[in-house]
Amino acid sequence: MESCKPSLERKSLKGRAFLAFKTVMAVVLITLLVREVDWPKIWGEVSQASMPLLLVAFVLYVVGIFMCIERWWRAAQFKKFAMTFRNATEFYFAGLFLNNFLPSFFGGDAYQSYILGKSEKRYPAAISTVMFTRFIGLWATMALFFVFGLLGYPAIFARPLFAWFGILALLFMVANITLTLVYAHPRCQKLFDRLPGRMRKFLKEIDRYAKWRFLRDNFSLAAVFALVGVGLFNLMLFYALGEKVPIFPYLSTVFLISLVSSLPVSINNIGFKEWAYYTFFPLIGIRPEAALAVALLVRFIQILVSVAGAPFFFREKKAYGTEG
């Protein structure tokens, strides 16, 4: 037991250092936005927004959340976890609450993995369900970024900044496809055998998802979620502000922003997502004030919806405390 202490302390120290880094980045990005932005214009944009369209956007966001829950629940069912859709909904909303109100290095994904795995003590399999849905969602978002980028070519990939992101995304996809194809090769298996035991076990859990029909269905649902819960959701917010939006360039850009803002640069991407909206959308002709106003509305709706997870989170926390 004593031999585990230094390892646990190192992990805790790394987690705290990473949390400190993300906190500093959030503060820096927020400070830059505060200094650069004309805030009276932003509040003017928000105050004049169409309430009916804001309501439509809210509904689209909630529909998108339930699509995410469906994908995670299906992954858990595939792994033979005894979790009902109702349980999945409660756990997912509790994770949303944790992300928005109790930010730490133990985020919503870690919470979902833990709460799913603790009942059957199958933590690697539980972690794999969250990582798998995240990974497929990343692929679907990249695919939509490319599709709409090509459809809106003059406004997207003809621009150097978008082209560079496209090249990086393409290299990432090629690397993943290559790794998938050569995974079963004996030489790769030898390298695989040198990995730590827990890592090998986790990768085996991920590899078991390689069933074509299941992958196809999950990818399709991820793409529909991205179109509804990201594309149409943000589009309704722009329309609520009375902004004219070029559809194909907009869709490519919003999926690029979704990819960029998913990087773990700041706590819950605070500041970083707003910076991405303020930076990328003006490149396709959308006013920066409208872009930042939409980013703030997105943040507000996310926080508002995540409040619904508070009862589930504290209920599970109380149950865990009783167990301990």
Protein backbone atom coordinates (compact mmCIF):
# COMPACT_ATOMS: atom_id res chain seq x y z
CA MET A 1 0.00 0.00 0.00
CA GLU A 2 2.84 2.37 0.89
CA SER A 3 4.47 1.75 -2.51
CA CYS A 4 1.38 3.19 -4.22
CA LYS A 5 1.61 6.47 -2.32
CA PRO A 6 4.34 8.18 -4.43
CA SER A 7 2.53 7.22 -7.65
CA LEU A 8 -0.80 8.58 -6.38
CA GLU A 9 0.88 11.76 -5.15
CA ARG A 10 2.52 12.30 -8.55
CA LYS A 11 -0.83 11.84 -10.32
CA SER A 12 -2.49 14.26 -7.89
CA LEU A 13 0.29 16.80 -8.43
CA LYS A 14 -0.01 16.50 -12.22
CA GLY A 15 -3.78 16.89 -12.00
CA ARG A 16 -3.44 20.03 -9.88
CA ALA A 17 -0.78 21.47 -12.18
CA PHE A 18 -3.00 20.88 -15.22
CA LEU A 19 -5.97 22.44 -13.43
CA ALA A 20 -3.81 25.47 -12.55
CA PHE A 21 -2.72 25.77 -16.20
CA LYS A 22 -6.32 25.68 -17.44
CA THR A 23 -7.33 28.25 -14.82
CA VAL A 24 -4.57 30.64 -15.91
CA MET A 25 -5.52 30.19 -19.58
CA ALA A 26 -9.18 30.91 -18.82
CA VAL A 27 -8.24 34.10 -16.94
CA VAL A 28 -5.89 35.25 -19.74
CA LEU A 29 -8.45 34.65 -22.51
CA ILE A 30 -11.26 36.32 -20.58
CA THR A 31 -8.99 39.30 -19.86
CA LEU A 32 -8.13 39.66 -23.55
CA LEU A 33 -11.81 39.56 -24.51
CA VAL A 34 -12.77 42.06 -21.81
CA ARG A 35 -10.14 44.50 -23.05
CA GLU A 36 -10.87 44.11 -26.77
CA VAL A 37 -14.66 43.83 -26.91
CA ASP A 38 -17.20 46.65 -26.92
CA TRP A 39 -19.45 45.11 -24.26
CA PRO A 40 -22.35 47.59 -24.53
CA LYS A 41 -22.76 46.39 -28.15
CA ILE A 42 -22.74 42.78 -27.03
CA TRP A 43 -25.43 43.35 -24.39
CA GLY A 44 -27.40 45.29 -26.98
CA GLU A 45 -27.26 42.28 -29.31
CA VAL A 46 -28.46 39.93 -26.58
CA SER A 47 -31.22 42.20 -25.27
CA GLN A 48 -32.78 42.52 -28.73
CA ALA A 49 -32.77 38.78 -29.48
CA SER A 50 -35.99 37.12 -30.66
CA MET A 51 -37.48 35.14 -27.75
CA PRO A 52 -39.35 32.62 -29.98
CA LEU A 53 -36.13 31.78 -31.84
CA LEU A 54 -34.22 31.55 -28.55
CA LEU A 55 -36.84 29.04 -27.40
CA VAL A 56 -36.37 27.02 -30.61
CA ALA A 57 -32.61 27.05 -30.01
CA PHE A 58 -33.15 25.86 -26.42
CA VAL A 59 -35.29 22.94 -27.63
CA LEU A 60 -32.69 21.99 -30.25
CA TYR A 61 -29.98 21.96 -27.58
CA VAL A 62 -32.02 19.70 -25.29
CA VAL A 63 -32.79 17.36 -28.21
CA GLY A 64 -29.05 17.23 -28.92
CA ILE A 65 -28.32 16.28 -25.31
CA PHE A 66 -30.73 13.35 -25.49
CA MET A 67 -29.00 12.20 -28.68
CA CYS A 68 -25.70 12.19 -26.74
CA ILE A 69 -27.33 10.21 -23.94
CA GLU A 70 -28.68 7.72 -26.49
CA ARG A 71 -25.19 7.21 -27.94
CA TRP A 72 -23.61 6.66 -24.53
CA TRP A 73 -26.43 4.33 -23.43
CA ARG A 74 -26.02 2.26 -26.59
CA ALA A 75 -22.28 1.97 -25.94
CA ALA A 76 -23.02 0.82 -22.37
CA GLN A 77 -25.57 -1.70 -23.66
CA PHE A 78 -22.97 -2.97 -26.13
CA LYS A 79 -20.66 -3.58 -23.16
CA LYS A 80 -23.45 -5.43 -21.30
CA PHE A 81 -23.84 -2.85 -18.53
CA ALA A 82 -27.15 -3.07 -16.67
CA MET A 83 -27.93 0.63 -17.08
CA THR A 84 -31.38 1.83 -18.10
CA PHE A 85 -31.91 4.85 -20.35
CA ARG A 86 -33.32 6.68 -17.33
CA ASN A 87 -30.12 5.97 -15.37
CA ALA A 88 -28.04 7.14 -18.33
CA THR A 89 -30.04 10.37 -18.45
CA GLU A 90 -29.56 11.03 -14.74
CA PHE A 91 -25.82 10.26 -14.84
CA TYR A 92 -25.31 12.38 -17.96
CA PHE A 93 -27.09 15.41 -16.49
CA ALA A 94 -25.13 14.99 -13.25
CA GLY A 95 -21.95 15.12 -15.34
CA LEU A 96 -23.16 18.29 -17.05
CA PHE A 97 -23.78 19.87 -13.64
CA LEU A 98 -20.31 18.86 -12.47
CA ASN A 99 -18.69 20.37 -15.57
CA ASN A 100 -20.45 23.72 -15.24
CA PHE A 101 -20.64 24.27 -11.48
CA LEU A 102 -17.87 22.22 -9.90
CA PRO A 103 -14.98 22.48 -12.40
CA SER A 104 -11.96 20.37 -11.54
CA PHE A 105 -9.73 17.76 -13.16
CA PHE A 106 -12.49 15.26 -12.24
CA GLY A 107 -14.88 16.35 -14.99
CA GLY A 108 -18.15 15.07 -16.38
CA ASP A 109 -16.55 12.31 -18.48
CA ALA A 110 -14.64 10.95 -15.48
CA TYR A 111 -17.79 11.13 -13.37
CA GLN A 112 -19.85 9.20 -15.95
CA SER A 113 -17.12 6.57 -16.23
CA TYR A 114 -16.89 6.18 -12.46
CA ILE A 115 -20.62 6.08 -11.76
CA LEU A 116 -21.18 3.52 -14.54
CA GLY A 117 -18.25 1.32 -13.56
CA LYS A 118 -18.61 1.28 -9.77
CA SER A 119 -21.69 -0.97 -9.55
CA GLU A 120 -20.01 -3.82 -11.46
CA LYS A 121 -16.38 -2.83 -10.76
CA ARG A 122 -15.69 -2.73 -14.52
CA TYR A 123 -13.92 0.58 -14.72
CA PRO A 124 -11.91 0.06 -17.97
CA ALA A 125 -15.11 -0.98 -19.79
CA ALA A 126 -16.98 2.00 -18.32
CA ILE A 127 -14.25 4.44 -19.36
CA SER A 128 -14.28 2.93 -22.84
CA THR A 129 -17.99 3.78 -23.29
CA VAL A 130 -17.31 7.49 -22.71
CA MET A 131 -14.09 7.55 -24.75
CA PHE A 132 -15.71 5.67 -27.62
CA THR A 133 -18.65 8.09 -27.89
CA ARG A 134 -16.24 11.04 -27.68
CA PHE A 135 -14.01 9.60 -30.38
CA ILE A 136 -16.87 8.80 -32.78
CA GLY A 137 -18.28 12.28 -32.14
CA LEU A 138 -14.90 13.76 -33.05
CA TRP A 139 -14.85 11.80 -36.31
CA ALA A 140 -18.39 12.85 -37.21
CA THR A 141 -17.58 16.52 -36.52
CA MET A 142 -14.44 16.33 -38.65
CA ALA A 143 -16.37 14.72 -41.50
CA LEU A 144 -19.00 17.49 -41.41
CA PHE A 145 -16.28 20.14 -41.28
CA PHE A 146 -14.79 18.71 -44.49
CA VAL A 147 -18.12 18.18 -46.28
CA PHE A 148 -19.43 21.69 -45.69
CA GLY A 149 -15.97 23.17 -46.16
CA LEU A 150 -15.86 21.72 -49.66
CA LEU A 151 -19.43 22.86 -50.37
CA GLY A 152 -18.48 26.36 -49.25
CA TYR A 153 -14.99 26.15 -50.76
CA PRO A 154 -14.36 29.79 -51.76
CA ALA A 155 -15.12 30.99 -48.23
CA ILE A 156 -13.44 28.12 -46.34
CA PHE A 157 -10.55 26.08 -47.73
CA ALA A 158 -9.44 28.88 -50.05
CA ARG A 159 -8.45 30.75 -46.86
CA PRO A 160 -5.00 29.78 -45.44
CA LEU A 161 -6.17 29.56 -41.80
CA PHE A 162 -9.03 27.17 -42.60
CA ALA A 163 -6.81 25.24 -45.01
CA TRP A 164 -4.19 24.63 -42.29
CA PHE A 165 -6.83 23.33 -39.90
CA GLY A 166 -8.13 21.13 -42.72
CA ILE A 167 -4.66 19.68 -43.31
CA LEU A 168 -4.16 18.96 -39.60
CA ALA A 169 -7.57 17.29 -39.36
CA LEU A 170 -6.85 15.23 -42.49
CA LEU A 171 -3.48 14.08 -41.10
CA PHE A 172 -5.17 13.09 -37.85
CA MET A 173 -7.79 11.05 -39.72
CA VAL A 174 -5.18 9.36 -41.93
CA ALA A 175 -3.10 8.47 -38.86
CA ASN A 176 -6.12 6.94 -37.13
CA ILE A 177 -7.14 4.95 -40.20
CA THR A 178 -3.57 3.69 -40.63
CA LEU A 179 -3.36 2.68 -36.97
CA THR A 180 -6.66 0.82 -37.25
CA LEU A 181 -5.51 -1.06 -40.36
CA VAL A 182 -2.13 -2.13 -38.96
CA TYR A 183 -3.35 -2.78 -35.40
CA ALA A 184 -3.59 -6.57 -35.87
CA HIS A 185 -0.09 -6.84 -37.42
CA PRO A 186 2.30 -8.99 -35.30
CA ARG A 187 4.87 -6.18 -34.99
CA CYS A 188 2.22 -3.80 -33.72
CA GLN A 189 1.08 -6.42 -31.25
CA LYS A 190 4.64 -6.67 -29.93
CA LEU A 191 4.67 -2.93 -29.32
CA PHE A 192 1.21 -3.23 -27.79
CA ASP A 193 2.48 -5.90 -25.35
CA ARG A 194 5.09 -3.44 -24.00
CA LEU A 195 2.41 -1.05 -22.79
CA PRO A 196 1.38 -1.03 -19.10
CA GLY A 197 -1.23 -3.65 -18.21
CA ARG A 198 -4.03 -1.16 -17.54
CA MET A 199 -3.40 0.57 -20.86
CA ARG A 200 -3.51 -2.75 -22.74
CA LYS A 201 -6.76 -3.69 -21.02
CA PHE A 202 -8.33 -0.34 -21.90
CA LEU A 203 -7.25 -0.54 -25.56
CA LYS A 204 -8.70 -4.04 -25.79
CA GLU A 205 -12.00 -2.65 -24.49
CA ILE A 206 -11.95 0.00 -27.22
CA ASP A 207 -11.04 -2.55 -29.89
CA ARG A 208 -14.14 -4.62 -29.05
CA TYR A 209 -16.36 -1.85 -30.45
CA ALA A 210 -15.11 -2.71 -33.94
CA LYS A 211 -18.41 -4.06 -35.21
CA TRP A 212 -19.41 -2.43 -38.50
CA ARG A 213 -23.14 -2.08 -37.87
CA PHE A 214 -22.64 -0.66 -34.37
CA LEU A 215 -19.98 1.78 -35.60
CA ARG A 216 -22.17 2.88 -38.50
CA ASP A 217 -25.20 3.50 -36.29
CA ASN A 218 -23.21 5.38 -33.66
CA PHE A 219 -21.44 7.50 -36.28
CA SER A 220 -24.77 8.33 -37.96
CA LEU A 221 -26.31 9.37 -34.65
CA ALA A 222 -23.22 11.45 -33.83
CA ALA A 223 -23.50 13.24 -37.18
CA VAL A 224 -27.21 13.94 -36.63
CA PHE A 225 -26.41 15.26 -33.15
CA ALA A 226 -23.73 17.56 -34.57
CA LEU A 227 -26.16 18.91 -37.16
CA VAL A 228 -28.97 19.44 -34.64
CA GLY A 229 -27.26 20.11 -31.31
CA VAL A 230 -24.41 22.19 -32.73
CA GLY A 231 -25.25 23.38 -36.27
CA LEU A 232 -28.96 24.18 -36.05
CA PHE A 233 -28.74 25.20 -32.39
CA ASN A 234 -26.14 27.90 -33.09
CA LEU A 235 -27.87 28.88 -36.34
CA MET A 236 -31.12 29.63 -34.47
CA LEU A 237 -29.17 31.84 -32.07
CA PHE A 238 -27.69 33.82 -34.97
CA TYR A 239 -31.14 34.15 -36.49
CA ALA A 240 -32.47 35.29 -33.10
CA LEU A 241 -29.98 38.17 -33.30
CA GLY A 242 -31.09 38.99 -36.86
CA GLU A 243 -27.76 37.96 -38.36
CA LYS A 244 -27.47 36.91 -42.01
CA VAL A 245 -25.57 33.64 -42.21
CA PRO A 246 -23.96 32.02 -45.29
CA ILE A 247 -25.11 28.43 -44.69
CA PHE A 248 -22.30 26.19 -45.99
CA PRO A 249 -19.41 28.37 -44.75
CA TYR A 250 -21.24 28.75 -41.43
CA LEU A 251 -21.71 24.99 -40.98
CA SER A 252 -18.08 24.25 -41.76
CA THR A 253 -16.93 26.98 -39.37
CA VAL A 254 -19.20 25.97 -36.50
CA PHE A 255 -17.91 22.40 -36.68
CA LEU A 256 -14.33 23.66 -36.81
CA ILE A 257 -15.02 25.75 -33.70
CA SER A 258 -16.54 22.66 -32.07
CA LEU A 259 -13.29 20.77 -32.76
CA VAL A 260 -11.02 23.60 -31.62
CA SER A 261 -12.97 24.45 -28.47
CA SER A 262 -12.98 20.79 -27.38
CA LEU A 263 -9.24 21.05 -26.68
CA PRO A 264 -8.60 20.97 -22.89
CA VAL A 265 -7.03 24.43 -22.81
CA SER A 266 -9.12 26.06 -20.08
CA ILE A 267 -11.63 25.01 -17.40
CA ASN A 268 -14.77 23.88 -19.23
CA ASN A 269 -13.35 25.84 -22.20
CA ILE A 270 -14.28 29.12 -20.48
CA GLY A 271 -12.82 31.97 -22.51
CA PHE A 272 -11.44 29.63 -25.17
CA LYS A 273 -14.80 28.87 -26.81
CA GLU A 274 -15.75 32.56 -26.74
CA TRP A 275 -12.39 33.46 -28.28
CA ALA A 276 -12.96 30.85 -31.05
CA TYR A 277 -16.39 32.31 -31.90
CA TYR A 278 -15.03 35.86 -31.88
CA THR A 279 -12.06 34.86 -34.09
CA PHE A 280 -13.44 32.41 -36.67
CA PHE A 281 -16.97 33.56 -37.50
CA PRO A 282 -15.92 37.07 -38.66
CA LEU A 283 -13.72 35.36 -41.29
CA ILE A 284 -16.89 34.30 -43.15
CA GLY A 285 -18.62 37.67 -42.87
CA ILE A 286 -20.44 37.35 -39.54
CA ARG A 287 -20.15 40.38 -37.26
CA PRO A 288 -17.77 39.74 -34.31
CA GLU A 289 -20.29 41.27 -31.87
CA ALA A 290 -22.97 38.82 -33.05
CA ALA A 291 -20.51 35.91 -32.86
CA LEU A 292 -19.53 36.68 -29.27
CA ALA A 293 -23.17 37.30 -28.29
CA VAL A 294 -24.03 33.83 -29.63
CA ALA A 295 -21.10 32.31 -27.70
CA LEU A 296 -22.43 33.89 -24.49
CA LEU A 297 -25.96 32.66 -25.21
CA VAL A 298 -24.59 29.16 -25.83
CA ARG A 299 -22.79 29.30 -22.49
CA PHE A 300 -25.91 30.56 -20.70
CA ILE A 301 -28.14 27.83 -22.18
CA GLN A 302 -25.58 25.14 -21.31
CA ILE A 303 -25.45 26.32 -17.69
CA LEU A 304 -29.22 26.65 -17.49
CA VAL A 305 -29.82 23.11 -18.75
CA SER A 306 -27.08 21.63 -16.55
CA VAL A 307 -28.88 22.88 -13.41
CA ALA A 308 -31.28 19.97 -13.99
CA GLY A 309 -28.42 17.62 -13.11
CA ALA A 310 -27.94 18.99 -9.57
CA PRO A 311 -30.45 16.65 -7.82
CA PHE A 312 -28.96 13.58 -9.52
CA PHE A 313 -25.37 14.60 -8.71
CA PHE A 314 -26.00 15.28 -5.02
CA ARG A 315 -28.15 12.15 -4.68
CA GLU A 316 -25.33 9.98 -6.02
CA LYS A 317 -22.77 11.85 -3.92
CA LYS A 318 -24.83 11.21 -0.78
CA ALA A 319 -25.20 7.53 -1.67
CA TYR A 320 -21.44 7.25 -2.21
CA GLY A 321 -20.78 8.97 1.10
CA THR A 322 -23.08 6.52 2.86
CA GLU A 323 -21.21 3.60 1.28
CA GLY A 324 -17.87 4.98 2.40
